[in-house]
Amino acid sequence: MNINQMMKQAQQMQAKLASLQNELAEREVEASAGGGAVKVKVNGKQELLSIKISKEAVDPNDVETLEELVFTAVNQAMKQSQEMVSSAMSKVTGGLSIPGMF
């Protein structure tokens, strides 16, 4: 393979990655905690999009439990988002790790 072919392949991969980044920004994952008492949505850019808390989960005498539910749901959503991105990226790069790409 010569340098011109390598450059062309690199440019094609770069275009695919840019397209994938845009697509992933539109994808959403949702996680919940406490049997659905807290629901969190995150996109493929690991941006928190929403937090929904049921009225039943709000107890002024037990704020710590609500905090733990929110914490758990956010962490689960972030992990799902990262796994979604990793899976999509590996399909484009063939498993090649590219630093700085998410």
Protein backbone atom coordinates (compact mmCIF):
# COMPACT_ATOMS: atom_id res chain seq x y z
CA MET A 1 0.00 0.00 0.00
CA ASN A 2 1.44 3.37 -0.91
CA ILE A 3 1.19 6.65 0.99
CA ASN A 4 -1.55 8.02 -1.28
CA GLN A 5 -3.80 5.05 -0.59
CA MET A 6 -3.15 5.38 3.14
CA MET A 7 -4.01 9.09 3.07
CA LYS A 8 -7.21 8.39 1.14
CA GLN A 9 -8.24 5.72 3.65
CA ALA A 10 -7.45 8.04 6.55
CA GLN A 11 -9.60 10.78 4.99
CA GLN A 12 -12.47 8.34 4.46
CA MET A 13 -12.24 7.17 8.06
CA GLN A 14 -12.15 10.78 9.26
CA ALA A 15 -15.33 11.55 7.31
CA LYS A 16 -17.05 8.45 8.72
CA LEU A 17 -16.00 9.39 12.25
CA ALA A 18 -17.30 12.95 11.86
CA SER A 19 -20.62 11.61 10.60
CA LEU A 20 -20.75 9.11 13.47
CA GLN A 21 -20.07 11.83 16.05
CA ASN A 22 -23.05 13.81 14.73
CA GLU A 23 -25.22 10.70 14.77
CA LEU A 24 -24.17 9.78 18.31
CA ALA A 25 -24.98 13.27 19.55
CA GLU A 26 -28.58 12.57 18.51
CA ARG A 27 -28.80 9.13 20.11
CA GLU A 28 -30.16 8.89 23.63
CA VAL A 29 -30.00 6.30 26.38
CA GLU A 30 -32.19 6.17 29.45
CA ALA A 31 -31.46 4.64 32.83
CA SER A 32 -33.55 4.44 35.95
CA ALA A 33 -33.16 3.69 39.62
CA GLY A 34 -35.53 2.85 42.43
CA GLY A 35 -37.88 0.89 40.20
CA GLY A 36 -38.30 3.86 37.88
CA ALA A 37 -38.58 6.49 40.62
CA VAL A 38 -35.70 8.36 38.98
CA LYS A 39 -35.19 8.35 35.20
CA VAL A 40 -32.24 9.95 33.44
CA LYS A 41 -31.55 10.56 29.74
CA VAL A 42 -28.06 11.05 28.32
CA ASN A 43 -26.94 11.48 24.71
CA GLY A 44 -23.95 10.03 22.89
CA LYS A 45 -21.85 13.05 23.82
CA GLN A 46 -22.32 12.14 27.50
CA GLU A 47 -24.52 15.19 28.02
CA LEU A 48 -27.23 14.90 30.63
CA LEU A 49 -30.50 15.66 28.84
CA SER A 50 -33.11 15.16 31.52
CA ILE A 51 -33.85 13.91 35.01
CA LYS A 52 -37.37 12.84 35.96
CA ILE A 53 -38.21 12.18 39.60
CA SER A 54 -41.53 10.68 40.65
CA LYS A 55 -43.40 12.39 43.47
CA GLU A 56 -43.24 9.19 45.50
CA ALA A 57 -39.42 9.40 45.54
CA VAL A 58 -39.46 12.81 47.23
CA ASP A 59 -39.36 12.50 51.01
CA PRO A 60 -38.11 15.63 52.80
CA ASN A 61 -37.08 13.42 55.71
CA ASP A 62 -34.94 11.15 53.52
CA VAL A 63 -33.04 13.31 51.04
CA GLU A 64 -30.09 10.91 51.08
CA THR A 65 -32.08 8.14 49.39
CA LEU A 66 -33.19 10.49 46.61
CA GLU A 67 -29.61 11.67 46.13
CA GLU A 68 -28.45 8.05 45.86
CA LEU A 69 -31.17 7.24 43.31
CA VAL A 70 -30.20 10.23 41.16
CA PHE A 71 -26.51 9.37 41.48
CA THR A 72 -27.13 5.75 40.49
CA ALA A 73 -29.35 6.60 37.51
CA VAL A 74 -26.91 9.21 36.18
CA ASN A 75 -23.95 6.84 36.47
CA GLN A 76 -25.88 4.05 34.72
CA ALA A 77 -26.93 6.35 31.89
CA MET A 78 -23.38 7.65 31.43
CA LYS A 79 -22.03 4.10 31.34
CA GLN A 80 -24.64 3.07 28.76
CA SER A 81 -23.79 6.11 26.67
CA GLN A 82 -20.08 5.36 26.80
CA GLU A 83 -20.70 1.73 25.81
CA MET A 84 -22.92 2.87 22.93
CA VAL A 85 -20.20 5.24 21.69
CA SER A 86 -17.45 2.66 22.10
CA SER A 87 -19.42 0.04 20.19
CA ALA A 88 -20.27 2.44 17.35
CA MET A 89 -16.70 3.73 17.13
CA SER A 90 -15.19 0.24 16.99
CA LYS A 91 -17.44 -0.60 14.04
CA VAL A 92 -16.05 2.38 12.11
CA THR A 93 -12.42 2.03 13.16
CA GLY A 94 -12.29 -1.76 13.12
CA GLY A 95 -11.30 -1.77 16.77
CA LEU A 96 -8.47 0.71 16.28
CA SER A 97 -8.30 3.13 19.22
CA ILE A 98 -8.03 6.76 18.14
CA PRO A 99 -7.12 9.14 20.96
CA GLY A 100 -9.35 12.17 21.35
CA MET A 101 -12.36 10.63 19.61
CA PHE A 102 -14.84 10.82 22.52
